[in-house]
Amino acid sequence: GLVQPGGSLRLSCAASGLNLPNYAIGW
């Protein structure tokens, strides 16, 4: 989203159809 300098955001990466414990995740 839109945020002012100095602000914060929390991004999420939701996985489906994938055994997440087997994967590293990069942003």
mmCIF file of all heavy atoms, coordinates in Angstrom:
data_MODEL
# 
_entry.id   MODEL 
# 
loop_
_atom_site.group_PDB 
_atom_site.id 
_atom_site.type_symbol 
_atom_site.label_atom_id 
_atom_site.label_alt_id 
_atom_site.label_comp_id 
_atom_site.label_asym_id 
_atom_site.label_entity_id 
_atom_site.label_seq_id 
_atom_site.pdbx_PDB_ins_code 
_atom_site.Cartn_x 
_atom_site.Cartn_y 
_atom_site.Cartn_z 
_atom_site.occupancy 
_atom_site.B_iso_or_equiv 
_atom_site.pdbx_formal_charge 
_atom_site.auth_seq_id 
_atom_site.auth_comp_id 
_atom_site.auth_asym_id 
_atom_site.auth_atom_id 
_atom_site.pdbx_PDB_model_num 
ATOM 1   N N   . GLY A 1 1  ? 0.814  -1.194  0.000  1.00 0.00 ? 1  GLY A N   1 
ATOM 2   C CA  . GLY A 1 1  ? 0.000  0.000   0.000  1.00 0.00 ? 1  GLY A CA  1 
ATOM 3   C C   . GLY A 1 1  ? 0.846  1.241   0.000  1.00 0.00 ? 1  GLY A C   1 
ATOM 4   O O   . GLY A 1 1  ? 2.057  1.195   -0.231 1.00 0.00 ? 1  GLY A O   1 
ATOM 5   N N   . LEU A 1 2  ? 0.199  2.355   0.262  1.00 0.00 ? 2  LEU A N   1 
ATOM 6   C CA  . LEU A 1 2  ? 0.860  3.653   0.330  1.00 0.00 ? 2  LEU A CA  1 
ATOM 7   C C   . LEU A 1 2  ? 1.153  3.993   1.783  1.00 0.00 ? 2  LEU A C   1 
ATOM 8   O O   . LEU A 1 2  ? 0.264  3.921   2.638  1.00 0.00 ? 2  LEU A O   1 
ATOM 9   C CB  . LEU A 1 2  ? -0.027 4.728   -0.289 1.00 0.00 ? 2  LEU A CB  1 
ATOM 10  C CG  . LEU A 1 2  ? 0.456  6.175   -0.189 1.00 0.00 ? 2  LEU A CG  1 
ATOM 11  C CD1 . LEU A 1 2  ? 1.752  6.357   -0.967 1.00 0.00 ? 2  LEU A CD1 1 
ATOM 12  C CD2 . LEU A 1 2  ? -0.616 7.118   -0.701 1.00 0.00 ? 2  LEU A CD2 1 
ATOM 13  N N   . VAL A 1 3  ? 2.389  4.362   2.051  1.00 0.00 ? 3  VAL A N   1 
ATOM 14  C CA  . VAL A 1 3  ? 2.790  4.705   3.409  1.00 0.00 ? 3  VAL A CA  1 
ATOM 15  C C   . VAL A 1 3  ? 3.755  5.887   3.355  1.00 0.00 ? 3  VAL A C   1 
ATOM 16  O O   . VAL A 1 3  ? 4.504  6.053   2.388  1.00 0.00 ? 3  VAL A O   1 
ATOM 17  C CB  . VAL A 1 3  ? 3.429  3.493   4.115  1.00 0.00 ? 3  VAL A CB  1 
ATOM 18  C CG1 . VAL A 1 3  ? 4.724  3.079   3.430  1.00 0.00 ? 3  VAL A CG1 1 
ATOM 19  C CG2 . VAL A 1 3  ? 3.657  3.762   5.592  1.00 0.00 ? 3  VAL A CG2 1 
ATOM 20  N N   . GLN A 1 4  ? 3.725  6.711   4.383  1.00 0.00 ? 4  GLN A N   1 
ATOM 21  C CA  . GLN A 1 4  ? 4.638  7.846   4.456  1.00 0.00 ? 4  GLN A CA  1 
ATOM 22  C C   . GLN A 1 4  ? 6.028  7.403   4.883  1.00 0.00 ? 4  GLN A C   1 
ATOM 23  O O   . GLN A 1 4  ? 6.185  6.370   5.545  1.00 0.00 ? 4  GLN A O   1 
ATOM 24  C CB  . GLN A 1 4  ? 4.110  8.880   5.450  1.00 0.00 ? 4  GLN A CB  1 
ATOM 25  C CG  . GLN A 1 4  ? 2.817  9.545   5.019  1.00 0.00 ? 4  GLN A CG  1 
ATOM 26  C CD  . GLN A 1 4  ? 2.373  10.629  5.982  1.00 0.00 ? 4  GLN A CD  1 
ATOM 27  O OE1 . GLN A 1 4  ? 3.008  10.883  6.996  1.00 0.00 ? 4  GLN A OE1 1 
ATOM 28  N NE2 . GLN A 1 4  ? 1.272  11.280  5.658  1.00 0.00 ? 4  GLN A NE2 1 
ATOM 29  N N   . PRO A 1 5  ? 7.059  8.151   4.497  1.00 0.00 ? 5  PRO A N   1 
ATOM 30  C CA  . PRO A 1 5  ? 8.399  7.829   4.989  1.00 0.00 ? 5  PRO A CA  1 
ATOM 31  C C   . PRO A 1 5  ? 8.422  7.719   6.503  1.00 0.00 ? 5  PRO A C   1 
ATOM 32  O O   . PRO A 1 5  ? 7.820  8.527   7.211  1.00 0.00 ? 5  PRO A O   1 
ATOM 33  C CB  . PRO A 1 5  ? 9.236  9.004   4.494  1.00 0.00 ? 5  PRO A CB  1 
ATOM 34  C CG  . PRO A 1 5  ? 8.522  9.485   3.279  1.00 0.00 ? 5  PRO A CG  1 
ATOM 35  C CD  . PRO A 1 5  ? 7.055  9.308   3.589  1.00 0.00 ? 5  PRO A CD  1 
ATOM 36  N N   . GLY A 1 6  ? 9.122  6.702   6.985  1.00 0.00 ? 6  GLY A N   1 
ATOM 37  C CA  . GLY A 1 6  ? 9.166  6.431   8.408  1.00 0.00 ? 6  GLY A CA  1 
ATOM 38  C C   . GLY A 1 6  ? 8.094  5.488   8.891  1.00 0.00 ? 6  GLY A C   1 
ATOM 39  O O   . GLY A 1 6  ? 8.164  5.017   10.033 1.00 0.00 ? 6  GLY A O   1 
ATOM 40  N N   . GLY A 1 7  ? 7.127  5.202   8.050  1.00 0.00 ? 7  GLY A N   1 
ATOM 41  C CA  . GLY A 1 7  ? 6.044  4.312   8.413  1.00 0.00 ? 7  GLY A CA  1 
ATOM 42  C C   . GLY A 1 7  ? 6.413  2.855   8.267  1.00 0.00 ? 7  GLY A C   1 
ATOM 43  O O   . GLY A 1 7  ? 7.542  2.498   7.924  1.00 0.00 ? 7  GLY A O   1 
ATOM 44  N N   . SER A 1 8  ? 5.431  1.999   8.505  1.00 0.00 ? 8  SER A N   1 
ATOM 45  C CA  . SER A 1 8  ? 5.645  0.558   8.491  1.00 0.00 ? 8  SER A CA  1 
ATOM 46  C C   . SER A 1 8  ? 4.570  -0.148  7.686  1.00 0.00 ? 8  SER A C   1 
ATOM 47  O O   . SER A 1 8  ? 3.434  0.320   7.577  1.00 0.00 ? 8  SER A O   1 
ATOM 48  C CB  . SER A 1 8  ? 5.629  -0.002  9.920  1.00 0.00 ? 8  SER A CB  1 
ATOM 49  O OG  . SER A 1 8  ? 6.675  0.530   10.706 1.00 0.00 ? 8  SER A OG  1 
ATOM 50  N N   . LEU A 1 9  ? 4.944  -1.277  7.129  1.00 0.00 ? 9  LEU A N   1 
ATOM 51  C CA  . LEU A 1 9  ? 4.024  -2.189  6.469  1.00 0.00 ? 9  LEU A CA  1 
ATOM 52  C C   . LEU A 1 9  ? 4.430  -3.609  6.807  1.00 0.00 ? 9  LEU A C   1 
ATOM 53  O O   . LEU A 1 9  ? 5.618  -3.887  7.014  1.00 0.00 ? 9  LEU A O   1 
ATOM 54  C CB  . LEU A 1 9  ? 4.040  -2.019  4.953  1.00 0.00 ? 9  LEU A CB  1 
ATOM 55  C CG  . LEU A 1 9  ? 3.380  -0.784  4.354  1.00 0.00 ? 9  LEU A CG  1 
ATOM 56  C CD1 . LEU A 1 9  ? 3.684  -0.723  2.854  1.00 0.00 ? 9  LEU A CD1 1 
ATOM 57  C CD2 . LEU A 1 9  ? 1.880  -0.799  4.585  1.00 0.00 ? 9  LEU A CD2 1 
ATOM 58  N N   . ARG A 1 10 ? 3.451  -4.480  6.842  1.00 0.00 ? 10 ARG A N   1 
ATOM 59  C CA  . ARG A 1 10 ? 3.714  -5.897  7.026  1.00 0.00 ? 10 ARG A CA  1 
ATOM 60  C C   . ARG A 1 10 ? 3.186  -6.653  5.821  1.00 0.00 ? 10 ARG A C   1 
ATOM 61  O O   . ARG A 1 10 ? 1.978  -6.697  5.591  1.00 0.00 ? 10 ARG A O   1 
ATOM 62  C CB  . ARG A 1 10 ? 3.047  -6.417  8.296  1.00 0.00 ? 10 ARG A CB  1 
ATOM 63  C CG  . ARG A 1 10 ? 3.459  -7.848  8.666  1.00 0.00 ? 10 ARG A CG  1 
ATOM 64  C CD  . ARG A 1 10 ? 2.543  -8.408  9.731  1.00 0.00 ? 10 ARG A CD  1 
ATOM 65  N NE  . ARG A 1 10 ? 3.080  -9.619  10.337 1.00 0.00 ? 10 ARG A NE  1 
ATOM 66  C CZ  . ARG A 1 10 ? 2.360  -10.475 11.059 1.00 0.00 ? 10 ARG A CZ  1 
ATOM 67  N NH1 . ARG A 1 10 ? 1.075  -10.243 11.281 1.00 0.00 ? 10 ARG A NH1 1 
ATOM 68  N NH2 . ARG A 1 10 ? 2.933  -11.554 11.572 1.00 0.00 ? 10 ARG A NH2 1 
ATOM 69  N N   . LEU A 1 11 ? 4.092  -7.235  5.064  1.00 0.00 ? 11 LEU A N   1 
ATOM 70  C CA  . LEU A 1 11 ? 3.723  -8.016  3.903  1.00 0.00 ? 11 LEU A CA  1 
ATOM 71  C C   . LEU A 1 11 ? 3.559  -9.477  4.284  1.00 0.00 ? 11 LEU A C   1 
ATOM 72  O O   . LEU A 1 11 ? 4.275  -9.991  5.147  1.00 0.00 ? 11 LEU A O   1 
ATOM 73  C CB  . LEU A 1 11 ? 4.780  -7.905  2.806  1.00 0.00 ? 11 LEU A CB  1 
ATOM 74  C CG  . LEU A 1 11 ? 5.155  -6.495  2.343  1.00 0.00 ? 11 LEU A CG  1 
ATOM 75  C CD1 . LEU A 1 11 ? 6.144  -6.584  1.191  1.00 0.00 ? 11 LEU A CD1 1 
ATOM 76  C CD2 . LEU A 1 11 ? 3.923  -5.700  1.943  1.00 0.00 ? 11 LEU A CD2 1 
ATOM 77  N N   . SER A 1 12 ? 2.629  -10.133 3.625  1.00 0.00 ? 12 SER A N   1 
ATOM 78  C CA  . SER A 1 12 ? 2.401  -11.552 3.831  1.00 0.00 ? 12 SER A CA  1 
ATOM 79  C C   . SER A 1 12 ? 2.556  -12.293 2.515  1.00 0.00 ? 12 SER A C   1 
ATOM 80  O O   . SER A 1 12 ? 2.200  -11.784 1.458  1.00 0.00 ? 12 SER A O   1 
ATOM 81  C CB  . SER A 1 12 ? 0.993  -11.807 4.387  1.00 0.00 ? 12 SER A CB  1 
ATOM 82  O OG  . SER A 1 12 ? 0.818  -11.214 5.652  1.00 0.00 ? 12 SER A OG  1 
ATOM 83  N N   . CYS A 1 13 ? 3.086  -13.487 2.601  1.00 0.00 ? 13 CYS A N   1 
ATOM 84  C CA  . CYS A 1 13 ? 3.183  -14.391 1.463  1.00 0.00 ? 13 CYS A CA  1 
ATOM 85  C C   . CYS A 1 13 ? 2.493  -15.681 1.863  1.00 0.00 ? 13 CYS A C   1 
ATOM 86  O O   . CYS A 1 13 ? 3.026  -16.441 2.676  1.00 0.00 ? 13 CYS A O   1 
ATOM 87  C CB  . CYS A 1 13 ? 4.645  -14.640 1.095  1.00 0.00 ? 13 CYS A CB  1 
ATOM 88  S SG  . CYS A 1 13 ? 4.908  -15.862 -0.210 1.00 0.00 ? 13 CYS A SG  1 
ATOM 89  N N   . ALA A 1 14 ? 1.311  -15.895 1.333  1.00 0.00 ? 14 ALA A N   1 
ATOM 90  C CA  . ALA A 1 14 ? 0.517  -17.068 1.672  1.00 0.00 ? 14 ALA A CA  1 
ATOM 91  C C   . ALA A 1 14 ? 0.686  -18.138 0.603  1.00 0.00 ? 14 ALA A C   1 
ATOM 92  O O   . ALA A 1 14 ? 0.521  -17.865 -0.582 1.00 0.00 ? 14 ALA A O   1 
ATOM 93  C CB  . ALA A 1 14 ? -0.952 -16.686 1.809  1.00 0.00 ? 14 ALA A CB  1 
ATOM 94  N N   . ALA A 1 15 ? 0.997  -19.344 1.033  1.00 0.00 ? 15 ALA A N   1 
ATOM 95  C CA  . ALA A 1 15 ? 1.242  -20.452 0.120  1.00 0.00 ? 15 ALA A CA  1 
ATOM 96  C C   . ALA A 1 15 ? 0.108  -21.460 0.177  1.00 0.00 ? 15 ALA A C   1 
ATOM 97  O O   . ALA A 1 15 ? -0.438 -21.743 1.245  1.00 0.00 ? 15 ALA A O   1 
ATOM 98  C CB  . ALA A 1 15 ? 2.558  -21.150 0.450  1.00 0.00 ? 15 ALA A CB  1 
ATOM 99  N N   . SER A 1 16 ? -0.237 -21.994 -0.971 1.00 0.00 ? 16 SER A N   1 
ATOM 100 C CA  . SER A 1 16 ? -1.202 -23.081 -1.053 1.00 0.00 ? 16 SER A CA  1 
ATOM 101 C C   . SER A 1 16 ? -0.729 -24.079 -2.096 1.00 0.00 ? 16 SER A C   1 
ATOM 102 O O   . SER A 1 16 ? -0.038 -23.721 -3.048 1.00 0.00 ? 16 SER A O   1 
ATOM 103 C CB  . SER A 1 16 ? -2.599 -22.555 -1.395 1.00 0.00 ? 16 SER A CB  1 
ATOM 104 O OG  . SER A 1 16 ? -2.605 -21.916 -2.662 1.00 0.00 ? 16 SER A OG  1 
ATOM 105 N N   . GLY A 1 17 ? -1.115 -25.343 -1.918 1.00 0.00 ? 17 GLY A N   1 
ATOM 106 C CA  . GLY A 1 17 ? -0.678 -26.386 -2.827 1.00 0.00 ? 17 GLY A CA  1 
ATOM 107 C C   . GLY A 1 17 ? 0.819  -26.641 -2.774 1.00 0.00 ? 17 GLY A C   1 
ATOM 108 O O   . GLY A 1 17 ? 1.395  -27.178 -3.729 1.00 0.00 ? 17 GLY A O   1 
ATOM 109 N N   . LEU A 1 18 ? 1.428  -26.277 -1.663 1.00 0.00 ? 18 LEU A N   1 
ATOM 110 C CA  . LEU A 1 18 ? 2.876  -26.348 -1.506 1.00 0.00 ? 18 LEU A CA  1 
ATOM 111 C C   . LEU A 1 18 ? 3.179  -26.685 -0.056 1.00 0.00 ? 18 LEU A C   1 
ATOM 112 O O   . LEU A 1 18 ? 2.591  -26.098 0.852  1.00 0.00 ? 18 LEU A O   1 
ATOM 113 C CB  . LEU A 1 18 ? 3.485  -25.011 -1.920 1.00 0.00 ? 18 LEU A CB  1 
ATOM 114 C CG  . LEU A 1 18 ? 4.976  -24.744 -1.860 1.00 0.00 ? 18 LEU A CG  1 
ATOM 115 C CD1 . LEU A 1 18 ? 5.337  -23.653 -2.864 1.00 0.00 ? 18 LEU A CD1 1 
ATOM 116 C CD2 . LEU A 1 18 ? 5.400  -24.305 -0.467 1.00 0.00 ? 18 LEU A CD2 1 
ATOM 117 N N   . ASN A 1 19 ? 4.086  -27.623 0.157  1.00 0.00 ? 19 ASN A N   1 
ATOM 118 C CA  . ASN A 1 19 ? 4.487  -27.995 1.509  1.00 0.00 ? 19 ASN A CA  1 
ATOM 119 C C   . ASN A 1 19 ? 5.515  -26.987 1.995  1.00 0.00 ? 19 ASN A C   1 
ATOM 120 O O   . ASN A 1 19 ? 6.722  -27.169 1.814  1.00 0.00 ? 19 ASN A O   1 
ATOM 121 C CB  . ASN A 1 19 ? 5.043  -29.411 1.525  1.00 0.00 ? 19 ASN A CB  1 
ATOM 122 C CG  . ASN A 1 19 ? 5.316  -29.909 2.930  1.00 0.00 ? 19 ASN A CG  1 
ATOM 123 O OD1 . ASN A 1 19 ? 4.776  -29.390 3.903  1.00 0.00 ? 19 ASN A OD1 1 
ATOM 124 N ND2 . ASN A 1 19 ? 6.153  -30.928 3.041  1.00 0.00 ? 19 ASN A ND2 1 
ATOM 125 N N   . LEU A 1 20 ? 5.039  -25.934 2.598  1.00 0.00 ? 20 LEU A N   1 
ATOM 126 C CA  . LEU A 1 20 ? 5.899  -24.811 2.949  1.00 0.00 ? 20 LEU A CA  1 
ATOM 127 C C   . LEU A 1 20 ? 7.125  -25.184 3.776  1.00 0.00 ? 20 LEU A C   1 
ATOM 128 O O   . LEU A 1 20 ? 8.195  -24.603 3.568  1.00 0.00 ? 20 LEU A O   1 
ATOM 129 C CB  . LEU A 1 20 ? 5.087  -23.722 3.657  1.00 0.00 ? 20 LEU A CB  1 
ATOM 130 C CG  . LEU A 1 20 ? 5.792  -22.378 3.826  1.00 0.00 ? 20 LEU A CG  1 
ATOM 131 C CD1 . LEU A 1 20 ? 6.129  -21.760 2.473  1.00 0.00 ? 20 LEU A CD1 1 
ATOM 132 C CD2 . LEU A 1 20 ? 4.932  -21.432 4.656  1.00 0.00 ? 20 LEU A CD2 1 
ATOM 133 N N   . PRO A 1 21 ? 7.054  -26.119 4.722  1.00 0.00 ? 21 PRO A N   1 
ATOM 134 C CA  . PRO A 1 21 ? 8.257  -26.462 5.490  1.00 0.00 ? 21 PRO A CA  1 
ATOM 135 C C   . PRO A 1 21 ? 9.423  -26.959 4.648  1.00 0.00 ? 21 PRO A C   1 
ATOM 136 O O   . PRO A 1 21 ? 10.556 -26.987 5.144  1.00 0.00 ? 21 PRO A O   1 
ATOM 137 C CB  . PRO A 1 21 ? 7.767  -27.562 6.443  1.00 0.00 ? 21 PRO A CB  1 
ATOM 138 C CG  . PRO A 1 21 ? 6.319  -27.277 6.622  1.00 0.00 ? 21 PRO A CG  1 
ATOM 139 C CD  . PRO A 1 21 ? 5.859  -26.796 5.271  1.00 0.00 ? 21 PRO A CD  1 
ATOM 140 N N   . ASN A 1 22 ? 9.179  -27.330 3.399  1.00 0.00 ? 22 ASN A N   1 
ATOM 141 C CA  . ASN A 1 22 ? 10.251 -27.775 2.520  1.00 0.00 ? 22 ASN A CA  1 
ATOM 142 C C   . ASN A 1 22 ? 10.913 -26.637 1.746  1.00 0.00 ? 22 ASN A C   1 
ATOM 143 O O   . ASN A 1 22 ? 11.859 -26.884 0.996  1.00 0.00 ? 22 ASN A O   1 
ATOM 144 C CB  . ASN A 1 22 ? 9.731  -28.804 1.515  1.00 0.00 ? 22 ASN A CB  1 
ATOM 145 C CG  . ASN A 1 22 ? 9.378  -30.125 2.169  1.00 0.00 ? 22 ASN A CG  1 
ATOM 146 O OD1 . ASN A 1 22 ? 9.830  -30.425 3.270  1.00 0.00 ? 22 ASN A OD1 1 
ATOM 147 N ND2 . ASN A 1 22 ? 8.563  -30.913 1.482  1.00 0.00 ? 22 ASN A ND2 1 
ATOM 148 N N   . TYR A 1 23 ? 10.430 -25.422 1.928  1.00 0.00 ? 23 TYR A N   1 
ATOM 149 C CA  . TYR A 1 23 ? 10.876 -24.331 1.085  1.00 0.00 ? 23 TYR A CA  1 
ATOM 150 C C   . TYR A 1 23 ? 11.434 -23.158 1.872  1.00 0.00 ? 23 TYR A C   1 
ATOM 151 O O   . TYR A 1 23 ? 10.876 -22.753 2.898  1.00 0.00 ? 23 TYR A O   1 
ATOM 152 C CB  . TYR A 1 23 ? 9.721  -23.827 0.215  1.00 0.00 ? 23 TYR A CB  1 
ATOM 153 C CG  . TYR A 1 23 ? 9.299  -24.818 -0.843 1.00 0.00 ? 23 TYR A CG  1 
ATOM 154 C CD1 . TYR A 1 23 ? 8.318  -25.762 -0.583 1.00 0.00 ? 23 TYR A CD1 1 
ATOM 155 C CD2 . TYR A 1 23 ? 9.901  -24.808 -2.093 1.00 0.00 ? 23 TYR A CD2 1 
ATOM 156 C CE1 . TYR A 1 23 ? 7.942  -26.680 -1.544 1.00 0.00 ? 23 TYR A CE1 1 
ATOM 157 C CE2 . TYR A 1 23 ? 9.528  -25.715 -3.062 1.00 0.00 ? 23 TYR A CE2 1 
ATOM 158 C CZ  . TYR A 1 23 ? 8.551  -26.649 -2.783 1.00 0.00 ? 23 TYR A CZ  1 
ATOM 159 O OH  . TYR A 1 23 ? 8.183  -27.550 -3.749 1.00 0.00 ? 23 TYR A OH  1 
ATOM 160 N N   . ALA A 1 24 ? 12.533 -22.639 1.372  1.00 0.00 ? 24 ALA A N   1 
ATOM 161 C CA  . ALA A 1 24 ? 12.948 -21.302 1.758  1.00 0.00 ? 24 ALA A CA  1 
ATOM 162 C C   . ALA A 1 24 ? 12.076 -20.299 1.012  1.00 0.00 ? 24 ALA A C   1 
ATOM 163 O O   . ALA A 1 24 ? 11.601 -20.585 -0.091 1.00 0.00 ? 24 ALA A O   1 
ATOM 164 C CB  . ALA A 1 24 ? 14.421 -21.073 1.421  1.00 0.00 ? 24 ALA A CB  1 
ATOM 165 N N   . ILE A 1 25 ? 11.861 -19.151 1.610  1.00 0.00 ? 25 ILE A N   1 
ATOM 166 C CA  . ILE A 1 25 ? 11.076 -18.106 0.970  1.00 0.00 ? 25 ILE A CA  1 
ATOM 167 C C   . ILE A 1 25 ? 11.907 -16.828 0.906  1.00 0.00 ? 25 ILE A C   1 
ATOM 168 O O   . ILE A 1 25 ? 12.429 -16.369 1.930  1.00 0.00 ? 25 ILE A O   1 
ATOM 169 C CB  . ILE A 1 25 ? 9.765  -17.829 1.712  1.00 0.00 ? 25 ILE A CB  1 
ATOM 170 C CG1 . ILE A 1 25 ? 8.868  -19.077 1.713  1.00 0.00 ? 25 ILE A CG1 1 
ATOM 171 C CG2 . ILE A 1 25 ? 9.034  -16.646 1.080  1.00 0.00 ? 25 ILE A CG2 1 
ATOM 172 C CD1 . ILE A 1 25 ? 8.349  -19.476 0.341  1.00 0.00 ? 25 ILE A CD1 1 
ATOM 173 N N   . GLY A 1 26 ? 12.011 -16.293 -0.280 1.00 0.00 ? 26 GLY A N   1 
ATOM 174 C CA  . GLY A 1 26 ? 12.698 -15.032 -0.475 1.00 0.00 ? 26 GLY A CA  1 
ATOM 175 C C   . GLY A 1 26 ? 11.722 -13.931 -0.824 1.00 0.00 ? 26 GLY A C   1 
ATOM 176 O O   . GLY A 1 26 ? 10.692 -14.173 -1.454 1.00 0.00 ? 26 GLY A O   1 
ATOM 177 N N   . TRP A 1 27 ? 12.051 -12.727 -0.391 1.00 0.00 ? 27 TRP A N   1 
ATOM 178 C CA  . TRP A 1 27 ? 11.328 -11.526 -0.784 1.00 0.00 ? 27 TRP A CA  1 
ATOM 179 C C   . TRP A 1 27 ? 12.206 -10.730 -1.737 1.00 0.00 ? 27 TRP A C   1 
ATOM 180 O O   . TRP A 1 27 ? 13.399 -10.527 -1.470 1.00 0.00 ? 27 TRP A O   1 
ATOM 181 C CB  . TRP A 1 27 ? 10.957 -10.660 0.409  1.00 0.00 ? 27 TRP A CB  1 
ATOM 182 C CG  . TRP A 1 27 ? 9.790  -11.167 1.199  1.00 0.00 ? 27 TRP A CG  1 
ATOM 183 C CD1 . TRP A 1 27 ? 9.821  -11.905 2.336  1.00 0.00 ? 27 TRP A CD1 1 
ATOM 184 C CD2 . TRP A 1 27 ? 8.407  -10.945 0.900  1.00 0.00 ? 27 TRP A CD2 1 
ATOM 185 N NE1 . TRP A 1 27 ? 8.548  -12.162 2.774  1.00 0.00 ? 27 TRP A NE1 1 
ATOM 186 C CE2 . TRP A 1 27 ? 7.659  -11.588 1.910  1.00 0.00 ? 27 TRP A CE2 1 
ATOM 187 C CE3 . TRP A 1 27 ? 7.731  -10.274 -0.111 1.00 0.00 ? 27 TRP A CE3 1 
ATOM 188 C CZ2 . TRP A 1 27 ? 6.265  -11.574 1.922  1.00 0.00 ? 27 TRP A CZ2 1 
ATOM 189 C CZ3 . TRP A 1 27 ? 6.342  -10.263 -0.092 1.00 0.00 ? 27 TRP A CZ3 1 
ATOM 190 C CH2 . TRP A 1 27 ? 5.631  -10.912 0.919  1.00 0.00 ? 27 TRP A CH2 1 
# 
